[in-house]
N, C-alpha and C. Protein backbone atom coordinates (compact mmCIF):
# COMPACT_ATOMS: atom_id res chain seq x y z
N MET A 1 -10.12 -10.84 -10.40
CA MET A 1 -8.91 -10.89 -9.60
C MET A 1 -8.29 -9.49 -9.56
N ARG A 2 -8.05 -8.99 -8.37
CA ARG A 2 -7.46 -7.66 -8.20
C ARG A 2 -5.95 -7.71 -8.34
N ASN A 3 -5.40 -6.71 -9.00
CA ASN A 3 -3.96 -6.57 -9.17
C ASN A 3 -3.45 -5.71 -8.01
N VAL A 4 -2.67 -6.33 -7.11
CA VAL A 4 -2.23 -5.68 -5.89
C VAL A 4 -0.71 -5.73 -5.79
N TRP A 5 -0.13 -4.60 -5.37
CA TRP A 5 1.31 -4.56 -5.12
C TRP A 5 1.57 -4.40 -3.64
N VAL A 6 2.62 -5.08 -3.17
CA VAL A 6 3.06 -4.97 -1.79
C VAL A 6 4.49 -4.47 -1.80
N VAL A 7 4.74 -3.38 -1.07
CA VAL A 7 6.08 -2.82 -0.95
C VAL A 7 6.47 -2.89 0.52
N ASP A 8 7.38 -3.79 0.85
CA ASP A 8 7.84 -3.97 2.22
C ASP A 8 9.23 -4.57 2.18
N ASP A 9 10.18 -3.93 2.88
CA ASP A 9 11.56 -4.40 2.85
C ASP A 9 11.80 -5.66 3.67
N ASP A 10 10.88 -6.02 4.54
CA ASP A 10 10.98 -7.24 5.34
C ASP A 10 10.48 -8.40 4.49
N GLU A 11 11.41 -9.24 4.02
CA GLU A 11 11.05 -10.31 3.09
C GLU A 11 9.99 -11.25 3.66
N GLU A 12 10.10 -11.60 4.94
CA GLU A 12 9.12 -12.49 5.55
C GLU A 12 7.73 -11.86 5.59
N MET A 13 7.69 -10.60 6.00
CA MET A 13 6.41 -9.88 6.07
C MET A 13 5.83 -9.73 4.67
N ASN A 14 6.67 -9.40 3.70
CA ASN A 14 6.24 -9.24 2.31
C ASN A 14 5.62 -10.55 1.82
N ARG A 15 6.30 -11.64 2.09
CA ARG A 15 5.83 -12.95 1.66
C ARG A 15 4.50 -13.31 2.34
N ALA A 16 4.39 -13.05 3.65
CA ALA A 16 3.18 -13.38 4.40
C ALA A 16 1.98 -12.56 3.90
N ILE A 17 2.20 -11.27 3.68
CA ILE A 17 1.11 -10.41 3.19
C ILE A 17 0.70 -10.86 1.79
N GLY A 18 1.68 -11.18 0.96
CA GLY A 18 1.38 -11.67 -0.39
C GLY A 18 0.56 -12.94 -0.36
N LEU A 19 0.89 -13.85 0.53
CA LEU A 19 0.15 -15.11 0.65
C LEU A 19 -1.30 -14.85 1.07
N MET A 20 -1.48 -13.97 2.07
CA MET A 20 -2.84 -13.65 2.51
C MET A 20 -3.65 -13.00 1.39
N LEU A 21 -3.02 -12.10 0.64
CA LEU A 21 -3.71 -11.44 -0.46
C LEU A 21 -4.08 -12.43 -1.57
N ARG A 22 -3.20 -13.40 -1.82
CA ARG A 22 -3.53 -14.43 -2.81
C ARG A 22 -4.73 -15.25 -2.35
N MET A 23 -4.83 -15.48 -1.04
CA MET A 23 -5.98 -16.21 -0.49
C MET A 23 -7.26 -15.38 -0.67
N LEU A 24 -7.12 -14.08 -0.82
CA LEU A 24 -8.26 -13.19 -1.07
C LEU A 24 -8.49 -12.99 -2.56
N ASP A 25 -7.89 -13.87 -3.38
CA ASP A 25 -8.05 -13.86 -4.82
C ASP A 25 -7.44 -12.62 -5.48
N CYS A 26 -6.26 -12.25 -5.02
CA CYS A 26 -5.53 -11.13 -5.62
C CYS A 26 -4.31 -11.65 -6.37
N GLU A 27 -3.99 -10.96 -7.44
CA GLU A 27 -2.73 -11.19 -8.14
C GLU A 27 -1.73 -10.23 -7.49
N VAL A 28 -0.64 -10.76 -6.93
CA VAL A 28 0.26 -9.96 -6.11
C VAL A 28 1.63 -9.81 -6.76
N LYS A 29 2.11 -8.58 -6.78
CA LYS A 29 3.49 -8.30 -7.20
C LYS A 29 4.17 -7.70 -5.98
N SER A 30 5.31 -8.25 -5.60
CA SER A 30 6.01 -7.81 -4.40
C SER A 30 7.28 -7.04 -4.74
N PHE A 31 7.54 -6.01 -3.92
CA PHE A 31 8.74 -5.19 -4.05
C PHE A 31 9.39 -5.07 -2.68
N LEU A 32 10.71 -5.08 -2.64
CA LEU A 32 11.43 -4.94 -1.37
C LEU A 32 11.87 -3.51 -1.11
N THR A 33 11.74 -2.63 -2.11
CA THR A 33 12.11 -1.22 -1.93
C THR A 33 11.08 -0.33 -2.60
N ALA A 34 10.93 0.85 -2.05
CA ALA A 34 10.05 1.85 -2.66
C ALA A 34 10.58 2.25 -4.03
N ARG A 35 11.89 2.32 -4.13
CA ARG A 35 12.52 2.71 -5.40
C ARG A 35 12.17 1.73 -6.52
N SER A 36 12.21 0.43 -6.25
CA SER A 36 11.90 -0.55 -7.30
C SER A 36 10.42 -0.48 -7.69
N ALA A 37 9.54 -0.23 -6.73
CA ALA A 37 8.12 -0.08 -7.06
C ALA A 37 7.90 1.18 -7.90
N ALA A 38 8.56 2.28 -7.53
CA ALA A 38 8.42 3.53 -8.27
C ALA A 38 8.94 3.37 -9.71
N GLN A 39 10.04 2.65 -9.87
CA GLN A 39 10.59 2.43 -11.21
C GLN A 39 9.60 1.64 -12.06
N THR A 40 8.91 0.67 -11.47
CA THR A 40 7.92 -0.10 -12.22
C THR A 40 6.72 0.78 -12.56
N LEU A 41 6.29 1.62 -11.63
CA LEU A 41 5.20 2.56 -11.92
C LEU A 41 5.56 3.47 -13.09
N LEU A 42 6.78 3.89 -13.14
CA LEU A 42 7.22 4.81 -14.21
C LEU A 42 7.21 4.15 -15.59
N THR A 43 7.14 2.81 -15.64
CA THR A 43 7.05 2.11 -16.93
C THR A 43 5.61 2.11 -17.44
N GLY A 44 4.68 2.58 -16.60
CA GLY A 44 3.28 2.63 -17.01
C GLY A 44 2.41 1.56 -16.38
N LYS A 45 3.01 0.65 -15.65
CA LYS A 45 2.23 -0.38 -14.96
C LYS A 45 1.73 0.19 -13.65
N THR A 46 0.46 -0.10 -13.33
CA THR A 46 -0.14 0.42 -12.10
C THR A 46 -1.02 -0.65 -11.48
N PRO A 47 -0.94 -0.82 -10.16
CA PRO A 47 -1.83 -1.78 -9.50
C PRO A 47 -3.20 -1.17 -9.25
N GLN A 48 -4.14 -2.02 -8.85
CA GLN A 48 -5.45 -1.51 -8.43
C GLN A 48 -5.37 -0.99 -7.00
N VAL A 49 -4.45 -1.53 -6.22
CA VAL A 49 -4.22 -1.05 -4.86
C VAL A 49 -2.76 -1.33 -4.49
N LEU A 50 -2.19 -0.42 -3.72
CA LEU A 50 -0.79 -0.52 -3.31
C LEU A 50 -0.73 -0.59 -1.79
N PHE A 51 -0.12 -1.66 -1.27
CA PHE A 51 0.16 -1.78 0.16
C PHE A 51 1.59 -1.32 0.36
N LEU A 52 1.79 -0.34 1.24
CA LEU A 52 3.08 0.33 1.35
C LEU A 52 3.54 0.40 2.80
N ASP A 53 4.68 -0.23 3.09
CA ASP A 53 5.28 -0.19 4.42
C ASP A 53 5.84 1.21 4.66
N ILE A 54 5.77 1.68 5.89
CA ILE A 54 6.29 3.01 6.20
C ILE A 54 7.80 3.00 6.40
N ASN A 55 8.29 2.11 7.25
CA ASN A 55 9.71 2.12 7.61
C ASN A 55 10.54 1.24 6.68
N MET A 56 11.17 1.91 5.72
CA MET A 56 12.04 1.20 4.78
C MET A 56 13.31 2.02 4.61
N PRO A 57 14.43 1.35 4.32
CA PRO A 57 15.67 2.09 4.09
C PRO A 57 15.62 2.86 2.76
N GLU A 58 16.50 3.80 2.61
CA GLU A 58 16.63 4.65 1.42
C GLU A 58 15.43 5.58 1.24
N VAL A 59 14.29 5.03 0.81
CA VAL A 59 13.08 5.83 0.59
C VAL A 59 11.98 5.26 1.49
N SER A 60 11.48 6.06 2.40
CA SER A 60 10.43 5.57 3.30
C SER A 60 9.09 5.49 2.57
N GLY A 61 8.17 4.75 3.17
CA GLY A 61 6.84 4.67 2.60
C GLY A 61 6.14 6.02 2.59
N LEU A 62 6.40 6.84 3.61
CA LEU A 62 5.79 8.18 3.63
C LEU A 62 6.34 9.04 2.51
N ASP A 63 7.65 8.93 2.22
CA ASP A 63 8.23 9.67 1.11
C ASP A 63 7.64 9.22 -0.22
N MET A 64 7.46 7.91 -0.37
CA MET A 64 6.88 7.41 -1.62
C MET A 64 5.42 7.85 -1.74
N LEU A 65 4.70 7.80 -0.64
CA LEU A 65 3.30 8.25 -0.65
C LEU A 65 3.22 9.70 -1.09
N GLU A 66 4.07 10.53 -0.54
CA GLU A 66 4.08 11.95 -0.91
C GLU A 66 4.41 12.14 -2.39
N PHE A 67 5.40 11.38 -2.89
CA PHE A 67 5.78 11.42 -4.29
C PHE A 67 4.60 11.04 -5.19
N LEU A 68 3.90 9.96 -4.83
CA LEU A 68 2.78 9.48 -5.65
C LEU A 68 1.62 10.47 -5.66
N ARG A 69 1.34 11.08 -4.53
CA ARG A 69 0.21 12.00 -4.46
C ARG A 69 0.47 13.32 -5.17
N ARG A 70 1.72 13.63 -5.44
CA ARG A 70 2.05 14.85 -6.20
C ARG A 70 1.89 14.66 -7.70
N ARG A 71 1.85 13.42 -8.14
CA ARG A 71 1.75 13.13 -9.57
C ARG A 71 0.30 12.87 -9.95
N PRO A 72 -0.22 13.59 -10.94
CA PRO A 72 -1.63 13.43 -11.33
C PRO A 72 -2.02 12.00 -11.68
N GLU A 73 -1.11 11.26 -12.32
CA GLU A 73 -1.45 9.90 -12.77
C GLU A 73 -1.62 8.91 -11.62
N TRP A 74 -1.11 9.25 -10.42
CA TRP A 74 -1.23 8.33 -9.28
C TRP A 74 -1.97 8.96 -8.10
N ARG A 75 -2.52 10.12 -8.30
CA ARG A 75 -3.20 10.82 -7.20
C ARG A 75 -4.37 10.00 -6.65
N GLU A 76 -5.05 9.24 -7.51
CA GLU A 76 -6.22 8.46 -7.09
C GLU A 76 -5.90 6.99 -6.82
N LEU A 77 -4.64 6.59 -6.97
CA LEU A 77 -4.24 5.21 -6.72
C LEU A 77 -4.51 4.86 -5.26
N PRO A 78 -5.32 3.84 -4.99
CA PRO A 78 -5.57 3.46 -3.60
C PRO A 78 -4.28 2.96 -2.92
N ILE A 79 -3.93 3.59 -1.82
CA ILE A 79 -2.71 3.24 -1.09
C ILE A 79 -3.08 2.93 0.36
N ILE A 80 -2.70 1.73 0.80
CA ILE A 80 -2.94 1.29 2.17
C ILE A 80 -1.58 1.17 2.84
N MET A 81 -1.38 1.96 3.87
CA MET A 81 -0.11 1.95 4.59
C MET A 81 -0.05 0.79 5.57
N LEU A 82 1.15 0.24 5.72
CA LEU A 82 1.41 -0.84 6.67
C LEU A 82 2.50 -0.37 7.62
N SER A 83 2.33 -0.59 8.91
CA SER A 83 3.38 -0.17 9.84
C SER A 83 3.21 -0.82 11.20
N SER A 84 4.32 -0.94 11.89
CA SER A 84 4.28 -1.39 13.28
C SER A 84 4.18 -0.18 14.20
N GLU A 85 4.23 1.02 13.62
CA GLU A 85 4.11 2.24 14.41
C GLU A 85 2.64 2.56 14.68
N SER A 86 2.33 2.72 15.96
CA SER A 86 0.94 3.01 16.32
C SER A 86 0.75 4.45 16.79
N ALA A 87 1.83 5.24 16.78
CA ALA A 87 1.73 6.62 17.24
C ALA A 87 0.71 7.38 16.39
N ASP A 88 -0.18 8.12 17.08
CA ASP A 88 -1.19 8.90 16.36
C ASP A 88 -0.56 9.85 15.35
N SER A 89 0.61 10.39 15.68
CA SER A 89 1.26 11.34 14.78
C SER A 89 1.66 10.67 13.46
N THR A 90 2.08 9.41 13.52
CA THR A 90 2.46 8.69 12.29
C THR A 90 1.21 8.37 11.47
N VAL A 91 0.18 7.90 12.13
CA VAL A 91 -1.08 7.59 11.44
C VAL A 91 -1.63 8.86 10.80
N ASP A 92 -1.67 9.94 11.58
CA ASP A 92 -2.19 11.22 11.07
C ASP A 92 -1.38 11.73 9.89
N LYS A 93 -0.05 11.57 9.96
CA LYS A 93 0.80 12.04 8.86
C LYS A 93 0.51 11.24 7.59
N ALA A 94 0.40 9.91 7.72
CA ALA A 94 0.13 9.07 6.55
C ALA A 94 -1.22 9.42 5.93
N LEU A 95 -2.23 9.56 6.76
CA LEU A 95 -3.56 9.90 6.24
C LEU A 95 -3.58 11.32 5.67
N GLY A 96 -2.83 12.22 6.32
CA GLY A 96 -2.75 13.60 5.82
C GLY A 96 -2.04 13.71 4.48
N LEU A 97 -1.11 12.79 4.22
CA LEU A 97 -0.40 12.78 2.93
C LEU A 97 -1.22 12.11 1.83
N GLY A 98 -2.35 11.50 2.21
CA GLY A 98 -3.22 10.92 1.20
C GLY A 98 -3.39 9.42 1.23
N ALA A 99 -2.92 8.74 2.28
CA ALA A 99 -3.16 7.30 2.38
C ALA A 99 -4.66 7.06 2.52
N ASP A 100 -5.13 5.99 1.92
CA ASP A 100 -6.55 5.65 1.99
C ASP A 100 -6.89 4.84 3.23
N ALA A 101 -5.90 4.15 3.78
CA ALA A 101 -6.11 3.35 4.99
C ALA A 101 -4.75 3.10 5.64
N TYR A 102 -4.80 2.66 6.90
CA TYR A 102 -3.58 2.42 7.69
C TYR A 102 -3.81 1.13 8.48
N ILE A 103 -2.93 0.16 8.28
CA ILE A 103 -3.04 -1.12 8.98
C ILE A 103 -1.81 -1.33 9.85
N MET A 104 -2.05 -1.72 11.09
CA MET A 104 -0.96 -2.03 12.01
C MET A 104 -0.44 -3.45 11.76
N LYS A 105 0.88 -3.61 11.82
CA LYS A 105 1.50 -4.93 11.75
C LYS A 105 1.55 -5.51 13.16
N PRO A 106 1.48 -6.80 13.32
CA PRO A 106 1.27 -7.80 12.27
C PRO A 106 -0.18 -7.75 11.77
N VAL A 107 -0.33 -7.99 10.49
CA VAL A 107 -1.65 -7.87 9.86
C VAL A 107 -2.34 -9.23 9.84
N THR A 108 -3.65 -9.19 9.73
CA THR A 108 -4.44 -10.41 9.56
C THR A 108 -5.11 -10.36 8.20
N ILE A 109 -5.54 -11.51 7.74
CA ILE A 109 -6.22 -11.57 6.45
C ILE A 109 -7.53 -10.77 6.50
N GLN A 110 -8.16 -10.74 7.66
CA GLN A 110 -9.40 -9.98 7.82
C GLN A 110 -9.14 -8.48 7.68
N GLU A 111 -8.04 -8.01 8.25
CA GLU A 111 -7.70 -6.58 8.14
C GLU A 111 -7.39 -6.19 6.70
N LEU A 112 -6.67 -7.06 6.00
CA LEU A 112 -6.37 -6.79 4.59
C LEU A 112 -7.66 -6.74 3.77
N ASP A 113 -8.53 -7.70 3.99
CA ASP A 113 -9.79 -7.75 3.26
C ASP A 113 -10.65 -6.52 3.58
N ARG A 114 -10.73 -6.16 4.85
CA ARG A 114 -11.54 -5.00 5.27
C ARG A 114 -11.00 -3.70 4.66
N ALA A 115 -9.66 -3.55 4.66
CA ALA A 115 -9.06 -2.33 4.10
C ALA A 115 -9.33 -2.24 2.60
N MET A 116 -9.20 -3.35 1.89
CA MET A 116 -9.47 -3.32 0.44
C MET A 116 -10.94 -3.03 0.17
N THR A 117 -11.82 -3.64 0.94
CA THR A 117 -13.26 -3.40 0.77
C THR A 117 -13.57 -1.93 0.99
N THR A 118 -13.01 -1.35 2.04
CA THR A 118 -13.23 0.06 2.35
C THR A 118 -12.75 0.95 1.20
N VAL A 119 -11.55 0.67 0.70
CA VAL A 119 -10.97 1.47 -0.37
C VAL A 119 -11.80 1.35 -1.64
N PHE A 120 -12.20 0.15 -2.01
CA PHE A 120 -12.96 -0.04 -3.24
C PHE A 120 -14.39 0.49 -3.11
N ASP A 121 -14.97 0.40 -1.91
CA ASP A 121 -16.29 1.00 -1.69
C ASP A 121 -16.21 2.51 -1.85
N LYS A 122 -15.13 3.10 -1.33
CA LYS A 122 -14.96 4.55 -1.44
C LYS A 122 -14.81 4.95 -2.91
N LEU A 123 -14.05 4.16 -3.67
CA LEU A 123 -13.86 4.45 -5.09
C LEU A 123 -15.17 4.34 -5.87
N SER A 124 -15.95 3.30 -5.58
CA SER A 124 -17.21 3.13 -6.32
C SER A 124 -18.20 4.24 -5.97
N GLY A 125 -18.09 4.81 -4.77
CA GLY A 125 -18.94 5.93 -4.38
C GLY A 125 -18.59 7.22 -5.08
N LEU A 126 -17.36 7.31 -5.60
CA LEU A 126 -16.92 8.50 -6.32
C LEU A 126 -17.41 8.53 -7.75
N LYS A 127 -17.82 7.38 -8.26
CA LYS A 127 -18.22 7.29 -9.68
C LYS A 127 -19.65 7.69 -9.87
């Protein structure tokens, strides 16, 4: 069972993504803010993969992504961005900051599964 975190300020979307991930045999921890997820990371707990919404109040997903990639302990943490933004500039920025994948909302269970498979295949190829 994979340990997966979902960070999305939209409670309904957070719940729906969590349900789909549970159907994919994942243990899911949900956060409504980037700040609360970062605080949990700072306690030493880390997921196997982090799903991160881009548009959130206070701290955006892109800001959190940048913060995580600057820290050696989270530089290799698989991060899959979630967004309703389809602009190439947003996708390019997320990937340029170190996101491992980018999924457009609304998401499907197949997209979540495909993104996780891609990320874990990439990780196993690095070993």
